[in-house]
Each structure stands twice: as C-alpha cells, then as structure tokens.
Amino acid sequence: MMQGMGNMMGACLGGMGGMMTFVGAFWIAVTVGIVYVARRGGHGPELTPAASPVGGAGDTALAILRDRFARGEFDRAEYEERRRTLTRDEARWP
C-alpha cells in the first residue's frame, strides 16, 4: 500500500512541477516584456518627416541637406545651389 501511495505522490509532484514551470515561464515573459517597453521609453516608433502627414519627401531632403551642411560636407555656395534645386524641383512635383 505504501508503494502505491509513493507512486501517486510522484505523479502529483510531476504534475505540479509542470505547472510551476509554466507559471515561471509566464512570469519571465511578463518581466521581459516590461523591460522591453521600459527601455523603449514606452513610445512607439518615431515619425520621420517623410512619414508624418504634414511633411513630405522635400522636407526630408532639405533636412538631410541641412545636416550635411552642418557637418561641413560642402561649402555655403554648394548648399545654396542644392537647396534651390530641391525647392525648385518641389514646386514642379505635386
């Protein structure tokens, strides 16, 4: 009789062990999710000027041009020429 009781306890503990593993995995997943959201700052992806409803591709091109000029990739004359080209092309496209 004692041996039969031992088998039942082993089966019971095995079932509880499986349940404990599932609960442990659940809480690990919840913790990882919270850390992921916290590291992202809780915000969604940033809207770039091209993706925003107000801005357009021309706004993005001008922003890139300004950034490159600020980094010193070309002089003021070249910046002005490229800016005029972009704004002129922008007027032609709908």
Protein backbone atom coordinates (compact mmCIF):
# COMPACT_ATOMS: atom_id res chain seq x y z
CA MET A 1 0.00 0.00 0.00
CA MET A 2 2.80 2.37 0.82
CA GLN A 3 4.37 1.82 -2.54
CA GLY A 4 1.11 2.72 -4.28
CA MET A 5 0.95 5.92 -2.28
CA GLY A 6 4.50 6.79 -3.32
CA ASN A 7 3.58 6.45 -6.99
CA MET A 8 0.60 8.74 -6.56
CA MET A 9 2.72 11.37 -4.83
CA GLY A 10 5.31 11.17 -7.60
CA ALA A 11 2.64 11.69 -10.25
CA CYS A 12 1.15 14.57 -8.30
CA LEU A 13 4.50 16.29 -7.87
CA GLY A 14 5.31 15.76 -11.53
CA GLY A 15 2.06 17.48 -12.46
CA MET A 16 2.74 20.33 -10.06
CA GLY A 17 6.29 20.64 -11.39
CA GLY A 18 4.92 21.08 -14.91
CA MET A 19 2.50 23.72 -13.68
CA MET A 20 5.26 25.51 -11.79
CA THR A 21 7.42 25.52 -14.92
CA PHE A 22 4.58 27.08 -16.92
CA VAL A 23 3.93 29.75 -14.27
CA GLY A 24 7.66 30.50 -14.05
CA ALA A 25 7.92 30.86 -17.83
CA PHE A 26 4.86 33.13 -17.82
CA TRP A 27 6.38 35.49 -15.26
CA ILE A 28 9.71 35.54 -17.07
CA ALA A 29 7.88 36.54 -20.27
CA VAL A 30 5.98 39.28 -18.41
CA THR A 31 9.22 40.61 -16.92
CA VAL A 32 10.98 40.61 -20.31
CA GLY A 33 8.01 42.46 -21.83
CA ILE A 34 8.08 45.13 -19.11
CA VAL A 35 11.83 45.62 -19.52
CA TYR A 36 11.43 45.88 -23.31
CA VAL A 37 8.73 48.56 -23.04
CA ALA A 38 10.68 50.45 -20.36
CA ARG A 39 13.86 50.51 -22.47
CA ARG A 40 11.95 51.84 -25.47
CA GLY A 41 10.58 54.59 -23.25
CA GLY A 42 7.03 53.36 -23.76
CA HIS A 43 6.79 55.20 -27.06
CA GLY A 44 6.11 53.84 -30.49
CA PRO A 45 8.42 54.38 -33.42
CA GLU A 46 9.33 57.96 -34.18
CA LEU A 47 7.72 59.65 -37.13
CA THR A 48 10.23 60.87 -39.66
CA PRO A 49 9.34 63.96 -41.70
CA ALA A 50 8.62 61.71 -44.70
CA ALA A 51 6.25 59.57 -42.64
CA SER A 52 4.43 62.45 -41.00
CA PRO A 53 1.16 63.56 -42.56
CA VAL A 54 2.25 67.22 -42.73
CA GLY A 55 5.78 66.76 -44.10
CA GLY A 56 6.77 65.39 -47.43
CA ALA A 57 9.78 63.99 -49.24
CA GLY A 58 11.02 67.52 -49.89
CA ASP A 59 11.10 68.24 -46.16
CA THR A 60 13.22 65.13 -45.64
CA ALA A 61 15.62 66.07 -48.43
CA LEU A 62 16.04 69.58 -47.04
CA ALA A 63 16.63 68.19 -43.55
CA ILE A 64 19.33 65.87 -44.89
CA LEU A 65 20.86 68.76 -46.82
CA ARG A 66 20.93 70.91 -43.66
CA ASP A 67 22.52 68.10 -41.66
CA ARG A 68 25.22 67.50 -44.27
CA PHE A 69 25.95 71.23 -44.46
CA ALA A 70 26.19 71.40 -40.67
CA ARG A 71 28.71 68.54 -40.71
CA GLY A 72 30.81 70.54 -43.19
CA GLU A 73 30.49 68.15 -46.14
CA PHE A 74 30.25 71.13 -48.55
CA ASP A 75 30.52 74.91 -48.51
CA ARG A 76 27.76 77.54 -48.38
CA ALA A 77 27.66 78.08 -52.18
CA GLU A 78 27.07 74.39 -52.82
CA TYR A 79 24.47 74.29 -50.03
CA GLU A 80 22.56 77.20 -51.58
CA GLU A 81 22.69 75.62 -55.03
CA ARG A 82 21.40 72.27 -53.77
CA ARG A 83 18.70 73.98 -51.69
CA ARG A 84 17.49 75.96 -54.73
CA THR A 85 17.45 72.76 -56.78
CA LEU A 86 15.37 70.97 -54.16
CA THR A 87 12.89 73.80 -53.71
CA ARG A 88 12.61 74.32 -57.47
CA ASP A 89 12.00 70.59 -58.04
CA GLU A 90 9.49 70.59 -55.19
CA ALA A 91 7.41 73.26 -56.99
CA ARG A 92 7.27 71.07 -60.12
CA TRP A 93 6.07 67.92 -58.37
CA PRO A 94 2.55 67.72 -56.96
